[in-house]
Amino acid sequence: MKAKIDGLIKKFKIELASKYGKEGLAVFGKPTAAEVAELKALKPEIMAELKRRAAERWAAENAKKAAEEAARQEEIRAMKAGERFNSS
């Protein structure tokens, strides 16, 4: 099932969308009637997968920012202490 959802997301470049405060899917391309029916049937699972991916991306970005901030703070601490700090 996950492979099918991943395939649909990739094939139609599906993204999360919001209109008038209501969440939905943005589908690019022109799905056939059968594919539209399949997309509608799998909509909750597709939305859940896209939200999961967004959450993972957000967590990775925050972890990277936190690591960069920690390195910056360490450099500031080293400068205040008069230590040499090599940034490579």
N, C-alpha and C. Protein backbone atom coordinates (compact mmCIF):
# COMPACT_ATOMS: atom_id res chain seq x y z
N MET A 1 0.83 -1.19 0.00
CA MET A 1 0.00 0.00 0.00
C MET A 1 0.87 1.26 0.00
N LYS A 2 1.95 1.26 0.81
CA LYS A 2 2.82 2.43 0.87
C LYS A 2 3.47 2.69 -0.48
N ALA A 3 3.85 1.63 -1.16
CA ALA A 3 4.48 1.79 -2.48
C ALA A 3 3.48 2.40 -3.47
N LYS A 4 2.24 2.00 -3.36
CA LYS A 4 1.20 2.54 -4.24
C LYS A 4 1.00 4.03 -3.98
N ILE A 5 0.94 4.40 -2.71
CA ILE A 5 0.77 5.80 -2.34
C ILE A 5 1.97 6.62 -2.79
N ASP A 6 3.19 6.09 -2.56
CA ASP A 6 4.40 6.78 -3.00
C ASP A 6 4.40 6.97 -4.51
N GLY A 7 3.97 5.94 -5.23
CA GLY A 7 3.91 6.01 -6.68
C GLY A 7 2.94 7.08 -7.16
N LEU A 8 1.78 7.17 -6.53
CA LEU A 8 0.80 8.19 -6.90
C LEU A 8 1.31 9.59 -6.59
N ILE A 9 1.94 9.75 -5.43
CA ILE A 9 2.48 11.05 -5.04
C ILE A 9 3.53 11.50 -6.06
N LYS A 10 4.38 10.58 -6.46
CA LYS A 10 5.44 10.91 -7.41
C LYS A 10 4.86 11.16 -8.81
N LYS A 11 3.94 10.30 -9.23
CA LYS A 11 3.38 10.39 -10.59
C LYS A 11 2.65 11.71 -10.82
N PHE A 12 1.85 12.12 -9.83
CA PHE A 12 1.03 13.32 -10.00
C PHE A 12 1.58 14.52 -9.22
N LYS A 13 2.80 14.39 -8.66
CA LYS A 13 3.42 15.48 -7.90
C LYS A 13 2.43 16.06 -6.89
N ILE A 14 1.81 15.19 -6.13
CA ILE A 14 0.77 15.58 -5.17
C ILE A 14 1.40 16.33 -4.00
N GLU A 15 0.75 17.42 -3.62
CA GLU A 15 1.19 18.23 -2.48
C GLU A 15 0.00 18.52 -1.59
N LEU A 16 0.29 18.84 -0.33
CA LEU A 16 -0.76 19.30 0.56
C LEU A 16 -1.16 20.71 0.13
N ALA A 17 -2.46 20.99 0.19
CA ALA A 17 -2.95 22.31 -0.17
C ALA A 17 -4.03 22.71 0.82
N SER A 18 -4.30 23.99 0.86
CA SER A 18 -5.34 24.51 1.75
C SER A 18 -6.11 25.58 1.00
N LYS A 19 -7.42 25.49 1.06
CA LYS A 19 -8.27 26.47 0.39
C LYS A 19 -9.46 26.75 1.31
N TYR A 20 -9.65 28.02 1.59
CA TYR A 20 -10.74 28.45 2.48
C TYR A 20 -10.65 27.75 3.84
N GLY A 21 -9.43 27.51 4.29
CA GLY A 21 -9.22 26.90 5.60
C GLY A 21 -9.42 25.39 5.62
N LYS A 22 -9.67 24.80 4.47
CA LYS A 22 -9.90 23.36 4.41
C LYS A 22 -8.69 22.69 3.73
N GLU A 23 -8.17 21.65 4.38
CA GLU A 23 -7.02 20.94 3.82
C GLU A 23 -7.45 20.03 2.68
N GLY A 24 -6.56 19.90 1.73
CA GLY A 24 -6.82 19.03 0.60
C GLY A 24 -5.52 18.68 -0.09
N LEU A 25 -5.66 18.18 -1.31
CA LEU A 25 -4.51 17.78 -2.10
C LEU A 25 -4.44 18.60 -3.38
N ALA A 26 -3.25 18.97 -3.77
CA ALA A 26 -3.02 19.60 -5.07
C ALA A 26 -2.42 18.52 -5.97
N VAL A 27 -3.13 18.19 -7.04
CA VAL A 27 -2.70 17.14 -7.95
C VAL A 27 -2.32 17.79 -9.27
N PHE A 28 -1.10 17.54 -9.72
CA PHE A 28 -0.63 18.09 -10.98
C PHE A 28 -0.63 16.99 -12.02
N GLY A 29 -1.01 17.31 -13.21
CA GLY A 29 -1.14 16.29 -14.24
C GLY A 29 -2.62 16.06 -14.49
N LYS A 30 -2.92 15.12 -15.34
CA LYS A 30 -4.32 14.85 -15.67
C LYS A 30 -4.61 13.37 -15.44
N PRO A 31 -5.09 13.04 -14.25
CA PRO A 31 -5.40 11.63 -13.97
C PRO A 31 -6.65 11.19 -14.74
N THR A 32 -6.68 9.92 -15.08
CA THR A 32 -7.87 9.36 -15.73
C THR A 32 -8.98 9.24 -14.70
N ALA A 33 -10.18 8.90 -15.16
CA ALA A 33 -11.31 8.75 -14.25
C ALA A 33 -11.03 7.67 -13.21
N ALA A 34 -10.40 6.59 -13.63
CA ALA A 34 -10.08 5.50 -12.70
C ALA A 34 -9.05 5.99 -11.67
N GLU A 35 -8.07 6.77 -12.13
CA GLU A 35 -7.05 7.29 -11.21
C GLU A 35 -7.65 8.31 -10.24
N VAL A 36 -8.61 9.11 -10.71
CA VAL A 36 -9.29 10.06 -9.82
C VAL A 36 -10.02 9.30 -8.73
N ALA A 37 -10.71 8.23 -9.10
CA ALA A 37 -11.42 7.42 -8.12
C ALA A 37 -10.45 6.82 -7.11
N GLU A 38 -9.31 6.36 -7.61
CA GLU A 38 -8.29 5.79 -6.72
C GLU A 38 -7.73 6.85 -5.77
N LEU A 39 -7.47 8.05 -6.31
CA LEU A 39 -6.96 9.14 -5.48
C LEU A 39 -7.97 9.51 -4.40
N LYS A 40 -9.24 9.57 -4.76
CA LYS A 40 -10.27 9.90 -3.78
C LYS A 40 -10.36 8.84 -2.70
N ALA A 41 -10.24 7.57 -3.10
CA ALA A 41 -10.31 6.48 -2.13
C ALA A 41 -9.12 6.49 -1.18
N LEU A 42 -7.97 6.88 -1.69
CA LEU A 42 -6.74 6.87 -0.89
C LEU A 42 -6.40 8.23 -0.29
N LYS A 43 -7.28 9.20 -0.43
CA LYS A 43 -6.99 10.56 0.03
C LYS A 43 -6.52 10.63 1.48
N PRO A 44 -7.21 9.99 2.43
CA PRO A 44 -6.73 10.08 3.83
C PRO A 44 -5.30 9.54 4.00
N GLU A 45 -5.00 8.43 3.34
CA GLU A 45 -3.67 7.83 3.46
C GLU A 45 -2.62 8.72 2.79
N ILE A 46 -2.97 9.31 1.63
CA ILE A 46 -2.03 10.20 0.94
C ILE A 46 -1.75 11.43 1.80
N MET A 47 -2.80 12.01 2.37
CA MET A 47 -2.62 13.18 3.23
C MET A 47 -1.76 12.84 4.44
N ALA A 48 -2.00 11.69 5.04
CA ALA A 48 -1.21 11.28 6.20
C ALA A 48 0.26 11.13 5.82
N GLU A 49 0.53 10.54 4.66
CA GLU A 49 1.91 10.36 4.21
C GLU A 49 2.58 11.71 3.95
N LEU A 50 1.87 12.63 3.30
CA LEU A 50 2.44 13.95 3.03
C LEU A 50 2.69 14.73 4.32
N LYS A 51 1.80 14.59 5.30
CA LYS A 51 2.00 15.25 6.59
C LYS A 51 3.19 14.65 7.33
N ARG A 52 3.34 13.33 7.22
CA ARG A 52 4.48 12.66 7.86
C ARG A 52 5.79 13.15 7.25
N ARG A 53 5.81 13.26 5.92
CA ARG A 53 7.01 13.74 5.24
C ARG A 53 7.33 15.18 5.64
N ALA A 54 6.29 16.00 5.72
CA ALA A 54 6.49 17.40 6.11
C ALA A 54 7.04 17.49 7.53
N ALA A 55 6.52 16.65 8.43
CA ALA A 55 6.99 16.64 9.81
C ALA A 55 8.45 16.20 9.88
N GLU A 56 8.82 15.20 9.10
CA GLU A 56 10.21 14.75 9.07
C GLU A 56 11.13 15.85 8.56
N ARG A 57 10.70 16.52 7.48
CA ARG A 57 11.49 17.60 6.90
C ARG A 57 11.65 18.73 7.92
N TRP A 58 10.57 19.07 8.63
CA TRP A 58 10.60 20.13 9.63
C TRP A 58 11.56 19.76 10.76
N ALA A 59 11.49 18.51 11.22
CA ALA A 59 12.36 18.06 12.31
C ALA A 59 13.83 18.09 11.88
N ALA A 60 14.11 17.67 10.65
CA ALA A 60 15.49 17.68 10.15
C ALA A 60 16.02 19.10 10.05
N GLU A 61 15.18 20.01 9.56
CA GLU A 61 15.61 21.41 9.45
C GLU A 61 15.88 22.01 10.83
N ASN A 62 15.01 21.71 11.79
CA ASN A 62 15.21 22.23 13.15
C ASN A 62 16.45 21.64 13.80
N ALA A 63 16.72 20.37 13.57
CA ALA A 63 17.92 19.74 14.12
C ALA A 63 19.17 20.39 13.53
N LYS A 64 19.13 20.66 12.23
CA LYS A 64 20.27 21.30 11.57
C LYS A 64 20.48 22.71 12.12
N LYS A 65 19.39 23.46 12.29
CA LYS A 65 19.50 24.81 12.84
C LYS A 65 20.04 24.78 14.26
N ALA A 66 19.59 23.81 15.05
CA ALA A 66 20.05 23.69 16.43
C ALA A 66 21.55 23.37 16.47
N ALA A 67 21.99 22.50 15.58
CA ALA A 67 23.41 22.15 15.53
C ALA A 67 24.25 23.36 15.12
N GLU A 68 23.76 24.11 14.15
CA GLU A 68 24.47 25.31 13.72
C GLU A 68 24.54 26.35 14.84
N GLU A 69 23.44 26.51 15.56
CA GLU A 69 23.40 27.46 16.67
C GLU A 69 24.35 27.01 17.79
N ALA A 70 24.39 25.71 18.07
CA ALA A 70 25.30 25.19 19.09
C ALA A 70 26.75 25.45 18.70
N ALA A 71 27.07 25.26 17.42
CA ALA A 71 28.43 25.52 16.95
C ALA A 71 28.76 27.01 17.07
N ARG A 72 27.79 27.86 16.73
CA ARG A 72 27.99 29.31 16.86
C ARG A 72 28.22 29.70 18.31
N GLN A 73 27.43 29.14 19.20
CA GLN A 73 27.57 29.45 20.63
C GLN A 73 28.92 28.96 21.15
N GLU A 74 29.36 27.81 20.70
CA GLU A 74 30.66 27.28 21.12
C GLU A 74 31.78 28.19 20.62
N GLU A 75 31.64 28.68 19.40
CA GLU A 75 32.66 29.59 18.86
C GLU A 75 32.69 30.89 19.67
N ILE A 76 31.54 31.40 20.03
CA ILE A 76 31.47 32.63 20.84
C ILE A 76 32.10 32.38 22.21
N ARG A 77 31.78 31.23 22.82
CA ARG A 77 32.35 30.89 24.12
C ARG A 77 33.87 30.80 24.03
N ALA A 78 34.37 30.17 22.96
CA ALA A 78 35.82 30.02 22.79
C ALA A 78 36.48 31.38 22.59
N MET A 79 35.82 32.25 21.85
CA MET A 79 36.39 33.59 21.62
C MET A 79 36.44 34.38 22.92
N LYS A 80 35.41 34.28 23.73
CA LYS A 80 35.37 34.99 25.02
C LYS A 80 36.44 34.44 25.96
N ALA A 81 36.69 33.15 25.86
CA ALA A 81 37.66 32.54 26.74
C ALA A 81 39.08 32.73 26.21
N GLY A 82 39.22 33.29 25.01
CA GLY A 82 40.54 33.52 24.44
C GLY A 82 41.15 32.29 23.83
N GLU A 83 40.35 31.30 23.57
CA GLU A 83 40.87 30.07 22.95
C GLU A 83 40.90 30.24 21.45
N ARG A 84 41.73 29.44 20.83
CA ARG A 84 41.72 29.41 19.37
C ARG A 84 40.63 28.45 18.94
N PHE A 85 39.92 28.84 17.92
CA PHE A 85 38.83 28.01 17.43
C PHE A 85 39.02 27.83 15.94
N ASN A 86 39.19 26.59 15.56
CA ASN A 86 39.33 26.28 14.12
C ASN A 86 37.98 25.84 13.58
N SER A 87 37.50 26.58 12.62
CA SER A 87 36.26 26.15 11.97
C SER A 87 36.63 25.56 10.62
N SER A 88 36.39 24.27 10.48
CA SER A 88 36.72 23.60 9.24
C SER A 88 35.49 23.03 8.63
